Amino acid sequence: MDIRELRYFAAVYRERNLTAAARACFVSQPSISTAITHLEAELGTTLFIRHKKGVAPTASAEQFHTLARRIIDEADAARSLFRKPATKTTVTLGLMRTLDVPRTIALLKPLTARSDIALRLVGSDERADARIIAKTMLRDDEHFVALWSERYVAALPPSHPLTLKEKLRAADLAEVPLIDRCHCEQSAFFGRNAQRRQTAAIAQSEDWAMALVAAGVGIAIVPEGVARGSPDVAVREIEVKVTREVGLAYRASAPLADALKDFVGKLQKQRRKPEPTGRRPGARKRVSPSRRPRGRKAAGS
């Protein structure tokens, strides 16, 4: 057992998905799988149960995570105990407000772990060295490094009658109280029925929207990562494929700070790693057309 395996375990525990954990750790998925297998063999227990959407932690994983997290934190503290204070470079990063907590943590950790960086966070519309945004927010003078793509889903109070349905249509929500948070993606879902919406509240943040949903105030259409990270709400698919692509944007005309160059390089390297496929050896890969996917893109404001 080594500290790297513990870090991989903590990432899988946080992400509930091997591919997402590998992306957060900037390694390949087999590396994550091997580390988990080694840990399970050494501990003599099963840590995760695999299912079609990812993995679920067992009771053993819940118990082990507290210890693993403490070991990781103490190792990080020991590593910096005798380091001389370095000259810090200030890096200003803009964040859009609709990021979910687990992904925000995974994105910022590589930067906060560096002793030579003073990280400053601002809103996505403020001046910054780089921004974490939805692709629809990209400016003409910016480059974009894609990080992930996610769909929008409906977040409902757990006892709401509509939780009996697996997928919701716009008509199902025509007369239902709703939590508005960003009219752009909701209009993509409701379409012509937008005028029939019943707004119960307007939330200024994702956490506030999820709190209102959990309290039974109404239903919200939110990015899947936000909904899945809220244990007090029920999540259902919606009939219209509304998605957003999230990534790191930076000005093409201004040189990046060395820390961000390293960060962007790792992101690009991770994106280039091929995912395992079921194609036969030697089979030709189907090339997707470069035009925009059929699913509707939602603004990430």
Protein backbone atom coordinates (compact mmCIF):
# COMPACT_ATOMS: atom_id res chain seq x y z
CA MET A 1 0.00 0.00 0.00
CA ASP A 2 1.41 3.40 -0.97
CA ILE A 3 0.21 6.98 -0.91
CA ARG A 4 -0.50 6.97 -4.64
CA GLU A 5 -2.93 4.08 -4.27
CA LEU A 6 -4.65 5.93 -1.44
CA ARG A 7 -5.01 9.02 -3.64
CA TYR A 8 -6.54 6.91 -6.42
CA PHE A 9 -8.91 5.30 -3.92
CA ALA A 10 -9.98 8.72 -2.62
CA ALA A 11 -10.63 9.90 -6.20
CA VAL A 12 -12.82 6.88 -6.99
CA TYR A 13 -14.67 7.34 -3.70
CA ARG A 14 -15.31 10.98 -4.57
CA GLU A 15 -16.20 10.56 -8.25
CA ARG A 16 -18.08 7.22 -7.99
CA ASN A 17 -16.68 6.47 -11.45
CA LEU A 18 -13.34 4.97 -12.55
CA THR A 19 -13.06 7.05 -15.73
CA ALA A 20 -13.84 10.29 -13.89
CA ALA A 21 -11.34 9.38 -11.16
CA ALA A 22 -8.64 8.71 -13.76
CA ARG A 23 -9.33 12.07 -15.38
CA ALA A 24 -9.11 13.83 -12.01
CA CYS A 25 -5.78 12.14 -11.24
CA PHE A 26 -4.40 12.66 -14.78
CA VAL A 27 -3.74 8.93 -15.26
CA SER A 28 -5.23 6.13 -17.33
CA GLN A 29 -8.24 4.16 -16.14
CA PRO A 30 -6.25 0.87 -15.92
CA SER A 31 -3.93 2.56 -13.42
CA ILE A 32 -6.90 3.36 -11.22
CA SER A 33 -8.36 -0.14 -11.56
CA THR A 34 -5.01 -1.77 -10.72
CA ALA A 35 -4.58 0.39 -7.61
CA ILE A 36 -8.07 -0.48 -6.35
CA THR A 37 -7.46 -4.18 -7.00
CA HIS A 38 -4.17 -4.04 -5.05
CA LEU A 39 -5.84 -2.26 -2.14
CA GLU A 40 -8.72 -4.74 -2.01
CA ALA A 41 -6.27 -7.67 -2.01
CA GLU A 42 -4.13 -6.11 0.71
CA LEU A 43 -7.09 -5.16 2.88
CA GLY A 44 -8.92 -8.43 2.26
CA THR A 45 -12.21 -6.75 1.46
CA THR A 46 -14.24 -5.34 -1.42
CA LEU A 47 -14.19 -1.55 -1.60
CA PHE A 48 -16.46 -0.84 -4.57
CA ILE A 49 -19.37 -2.53 -6.29
CA ARG A 50 -19.44 -1.91 -10.04
CA HIS A 51 -22.67 -1.07 -11.85
CA LYS A 52 -23.53 0.26 -15.30
CA LYS A 53 -23.20 3.91 -14.30
CA GLY A 54 -20.01 3.62 -12.26
CA VAL A 55 -19.18 2.23 -8.83
CA ALA A 56 -20.74 2.32 -5.38
CA PRO A 57 -18.62 2.28 -2.19
CA THR A 58 -19.15 -0.61 0.20
CA ALA A 59 -19.35 -0.30 3.97
CA SER A 60 -15.65 -1.19 4.03
CA ALA A 61 -14.88 1.73 1.70
CA GLU A 62 -16.87 4.11 3.88
CA GLN A 63 -14.84 3.03 6.90
CA PHE A 64 -11.50 3.04 5.07
CA HIS A 65 -12.03 6.45 3.44
CA THR A 66 -11.78 8.33 6.74
CA LEU A 67 -8.40 6.73 7.48
CA ALA A 68 -7.11 7.09 3.90
CA ARG A 69 -8.07 10.76 3.81
CA ARG A 70 -6.23 11.42 7.06
CA ILE A 71 -3.09 9.65 5.82
CA ILE A 72 -3.14 11.64 2.56
CA ASP A 73 -3.58 14.95 4.38
CA GLU A 74 -0.81 14.17 6.88
CA ALA A 75 1.55 13.12 4.09
CA ASP A 76 0.88 16.39 2.28
CA ALA A 77 1.48 18.33 5.50
CA ALA A 78 4.74 16.47 6.16
CA ARG A 79 5.95 17.09 2.62
CA SER A 80 5.68 20.85 3.08
CA LEU A 81 6.85 20.97 6.70
CA PHE A 82 10.49 21.89 5.97
CA ARG A 83 10.07 23.64 2.66
CA LYS A 84 11.29 27.18 2.52
CA PRO A 85 8.63 29.70 1.51
CA ALA A 86 8.87 30.09 -2.24
CA THR A 87 8.22 33.18 -4.26
CA LYS A 88 4.63 32.78 -5.28
CA THR A 89 3.15 33.61 -8.66
CA THR A 90 -0.43 34.84 -8.48
CA VAL A 91 -2.75 32.91 -10.80
CA THR A 92 -6.25 34.30 -11.27
CA LEU A 93 -8.82 31.71 -12.31
CA GLY A 94 -12.40 32.53 -13.26
CA LEU A 95 -15.06 30.00 -12.30
CA MET A 96 -18.61 29.86 -13.53
CA ARG A 97 -21.11 29.49 -10.71
CA THR A 98 -22.74 26.30 -11.99
CA LEU A 99 -19.84 23.91 -11.32
CA ASP A 100 -20.57 21.00 -8.99
CA VAL A 101 -18.49 20.62 -5.83
CA PRO A 102 -16.63 17.33 -6.60
CA ARG A 103 -15.41 18.55 -9.99
CA THR A 104 -14.44 21.94 -8.57
CA ILE A 105 -12.30 20.24 -5.92
CA ALA A 106 -10.67 17.95 -8.50
CA LEU A 107 -9.86 20.90 -10.77
CA LEU A 108 -8.40 23.17 -8.10
CA LYS A 109 -6.35 20.63 -6.13
CA PRO A 110 -3.48 20.43 -8.68
CA LEU A 111 -3.11 24.20 -8.43
CA THR A 112 -3.50 24.60 -4.66
CA ALA A 113 -0.99 21.78 -4.11
CA ARG A 114 1.80 23.87 -5.66
CA SER A 115 3.83 25.91 -3.18
CA ASP A 116 4.84 28.43 -5.85
CA ILE A 117 1.28 29.50 -6.67
CA ALA A 118 -1.02 31.98 -4.96
CA LEU A 119 -4.42 31.06 -6.41
CA ARG A 120 -7.03 33.79 -6.70
CA LEU A 121 -10.59 32.92 -7.76
CA VAL A 122 -13.00 35.33 -9.45
CA GLY A 123 -16.27 35.12 -11.34
CA SER A 124 -16.29 33.79 -14.89
CA ASP A 125 -17.05 37.25 -16.31
CA GLU A 126 -14.14 38.97 -14.51
CA ARG A 127 -10.61 39.46 -15.80
CA ALA A 128 -8.56 36.29 -15.24
CA ASP A 129 -5.55 34.35 -16.53
CA ALA A 130 -7.91 31.50 -17.45
CA ARG A 131 -11.54 30.55 -16.94
CA ILE A 132 -13.44 27.32 -16.26
CA ILE A 133 -16.58 27.81 -18.35
CA ALA A 134 -19.13 26.18 -20.62
CA LYS A 135 -18.05 26.27 -24.26
CA THR A 136 -21.00 28.49 -25.13
CA MET A 137 -19.38 31.22 -22.98
CA LEU A 138 -16.13 31.16 -25.01
CA ARG A 139 -14.90 34.51 -26.33
CA ASP A 140 -13.56 35.01 -29.84
CA ASP A 141 -9.98 35.57 -28.63
CA GLU A 142 -9.79 32.47 -26.40
CA HIS A 143 -8.53 28.91 -26.77
CA PHE A 144 -10.60 26.12 -25.19
CA VAL A 145 -9.44 22.85 -23.58
CA ALA A 146 -12.46 20.56 -23.12
CA LEU A 147 -12.75 18.84 -19.73
CA TRP A 148 -16.09 17.07 -19.74
CA SER A 149 -19.57 17.05 -21.25
CA GLU A 150 -22.68 16.59 -19.16
CA ARG A 151 -26.41 16.51 -19.69
CA TYR A 152 -29.12 18.36 -17.82
CA VAL A 153 -31.56 16.47 -15.61
CA ALA A 154 -34.53 17.19 -13.37
CA ALA A 155 -33.91 17.45 -9.62
CA LEU A 156 -37.04 16.72 -7.60
CA PRO A 157 -38.06 16.51 -3.94
CA PRO A 158 -37.72 12.80 -3.04
CA SER A 159 -41.43 12.40 -2.26
CA HIS A 160 -42.69 14.17 -5.38
CA PRO A 161 -45.22 12.14 -7.44
CA LEU A 162 -43.14 12.64 -10.61
CA THR A 163 -40.36 10.50 -9.11
CA LEU A 164 -42.54 7.53 -10.12
CA LYS A 165 -41.56 8.26 -13.73
CA GLU A 166 -38.17 7.30 -15.15
CA LYS A 167 -38.11 10.17 -17.68
CA LEU A 168 -39.93 13.50 -17.63
CA ARG A 169 -41.49 15.36 -20.55
CA ALA A 170 -41.99 19.11 -20.74
CA ALA A 171 -45.73 18.56 -20.41
CA ASP A 172 -45.19 16.81 -17.05
CA LEU A 173 -43.85 20.06 -15.58
CA ALA A 174 -46.33 22.45 -17.19
CA GLU A 175 -48.20 23.24 -13.97
CA VAL A 176 -45.53 22.24 -11.45
CA PRO A 177 -43.66 24.78 -9.25
CA LEU A 178 -40.14 25.25 -10.60
CA ILE A 179 -36.89 26.63 -9.27
CA ASP A 180 -35.45 28.91 -11.96
CA ARG A 181 -31.65 29.22 -12.04
CA CYS A 182 -30.71 29.83 -15.68
CA HIS A 183 -33.55 30.52 -18.10
CA CYS A 184 -31.45 29.59 -21.15
CA GLU A 185 -31.28 25.84 -20.63
CA GLN A 186 -34.78 25.65 -19.19
CA SER A 187 -36.18 27.28 -22.32
CA ALA A 188 -34.34 24.66 -24.39
CA PHE A 189 -36.25 21.99 -22.46
CA PHE A 190 -39.69 23.59 -22.25
CA GLY A 191 -39.79 25.08 -25.76
CA ARG A 192 -43.28 26.29 -26.65
CA ASN A 193 -44.57 25.40 -23.21
CA ALA A 194 -42.30 27.98 -21.56
CA GLN A 195 -45.25 30.32 -20.95
CA ARG A 196 -46.96 27.61 -18.89
CA ARG A 197 -44.13 27.34 -16.40
CA GLN A 198 -44.87 28.13 -12.78
CA THR A 199 -41.84 29.76 -11.16
CA ALA A 200 -41.75 29.23 -7.40
CA ALA A 201 -38.33 30.79 -6.78
CA ILE A 202 -35.20 32.07 -8.53
CA ALA A 203 -31.98 30.66 -7.08
CA GLN A 204 -28.74 32.61 -7.32
CA SER A 205 -26.53 29.51 -6.92
CA GLU A 206 -26.67 25.77 -7.48
CA ASP A 207 -26.44 25.01 -3.76
CA TRP A 208 -29.39 27.29 -3.09
CA ALA A 209 -31.38 25.67 -5.91
CA MET A 210 -30.73 22.17 -4.50
CA ALA A 211 -31.66 23.33 -0.99
CA LEU A 212 -34.98 24.66 -2.28
CA VAL A 213 -35.65 21.43 -4.16
CA ALA A 214 -34.83 19.33 -1.08
CA ALA A 215 -37.18 21.53 0.98
CA GLY A 216 -40.02 20.75 -1.43
CA VAL A 217 -40.34 24.24 -2.92
CA GLY A 218 -40.16 23.00 -6.51
CA ILE A 219 -38.28 21.16 -9.27
CA ALA A 220 -35.10 22.39 -10.96
CA ILE A 221 -33.46 21.60 -14.32
CA VAL A 222 -29.74 21.43 -13.51
CA PRO A 223 -26.46 19.91 -14.77
CA GLU A 224 -26.28 16.24 -13.83
CA GLY A 225 -23.14 16.69 -11.71
CA VAL A 226 -24.94 19.23 -9.53
CA ALA A 227 -27.96 16.98 -9.02
CA ARG A 228 -25.95 13.80 -8.37
CA GLY A 229 -23.90 15.63 -5.75
CA SER A 230 -27.02 16.45 -3.74
CA PRO A 231 -28.12 13.39 -1.70
CA ASP A 232 -31.37 15.03 -0.56
CA VAL A 233 -32.95 15.25 -4.02
CA ALA A 234 -34.22 12.71 -6.55
CA VAL A 235 -32.83 12.78 -10.10
CA ARG A 236 -34.76 11.96 -13.29
CA GLU A 237 -33.86 12.17 -16.97
CA ILE A 238 -35.64 14.66 -19.22
CA GLU A 239 -36.87 13.84 -22.72
CA VAL A 240 -34.89 16.56 -24.52
CA LYS A 241 -31.14 16.05 -24.75
CA VAL A 242 -29.80 19.31 -23.35
CA THR A 243 -26.03 19.20 -22.74
CA ARG A 244 -23.10 21.46 -22.04
CA GLU A 245 -19.35 21.10 -22.60
CA VAL A 246 -17.15 22.46 -19.83
CA GLY A 247 -13.49 23.34 -20.21
CA LEU A 248 -10.63 25.73 -19.53
CA ALA A 249 -10.50 28.90 -21.63
CA TYR A 250 -7.52 31.21 -21.91
CA ARG A 251 -6.58 34.20 -24.06
CA ALA A 252 -4.72 33.28 -27.23
CA SER A 253 -2.84 36.59 -27.24
CA ALA A 254 -1.49 36.48 -23.66
CA PRO A 255 1.19 34.01 -22.48
CA LEU A 256 0.04 31.57 -19.83
CA ALA A 257 1.70 31.40 -16.44
CA ASP A 258 4.02 28.40 -16.12
CA ALA A 259 1.67 26.79 -13.60
CA LEU A 260 -1.24 27.03 -16.02
CA LYS A 261 0.91 25.73 -18.88
CA ASP A 262 1.60 22.61 -16.85
CA PHE A 263 -2.07 22.37 -15.88
CA VAL A 264 -3.29 22.75 -19.47
CA GLY A 265 -0.68 20.25 -20.68
CA LYS A 266 -1.95 17.64 -18.25
CA LEU A 267 -5.54 18.28 -19.30
CA GLN A 268 -4.69 17.94 -22.98
CA LYS A 269 -2.68 14.79 -22.35
CA GLN A 270 -5.56 13.28 -20.43
CA ARG A 271 -8.04 14.13 -23.20
CA ARG A 272 -5.82 12.41 -25.79
CA LYS A 273 -5.73 9.12 -23.90
CA PRO A 274 -7.97 6.62 -25.70
CA GLU A 275 -10.85 5.15 -23.76
CA PRO A 276 -11.28 1.34 -23.87
CA THR A 277 -13.66 0.31 -26.66
CA GLY A 278 -15.30 -2.86 -27.78
CA ARG A 279 -14.06 -2.62 -31.38
CA ARG A 280 -12.37 -5.61 -32.91
CA PRO A 281 -8.61 -5.31 -33.49
CA GLY A 282 -8.02 -3.83 -36.92
CA ALA A 283 -11.57 -2.54 -37.25
CA ARG A 284 -11.82 0.92 -38.76
CA LYS A 285 -12.81 3.69 -36.41
CA ARG A 286 -15.88 5.62 -37.46
CA VAL A 287 -15.09 9.30 -37.80
CA SER A 288 -17.74 11.58 -36.40
CA PRO A 289 -18.71 14.61 -38.48
CA SER A 290 -17.37 17.91 -37.25
CA ARG A 291 -20.74 19.58 -37.21
CA ARG A 292 -22.50 20.29 -33.95
CA PRO A 293 -24.08 17.27 -32.21
CA ARG A 294 -27.82 16.86 -32.45
CA GLY A 295 -28.34 17.40 -28.76
CA ARG A 296 -29.15 21.01 -27.83
CA LYS A 297 -26.36 22.95 -26.18
CA ALA A 298 -27.18 24.93 -23.09
CA ALA A 299 -25.44 28.05 -21.90
CA GLY A 300 -23.59 27.56 -18.65
CA SER A 301 -24.26 30.92 -17.05
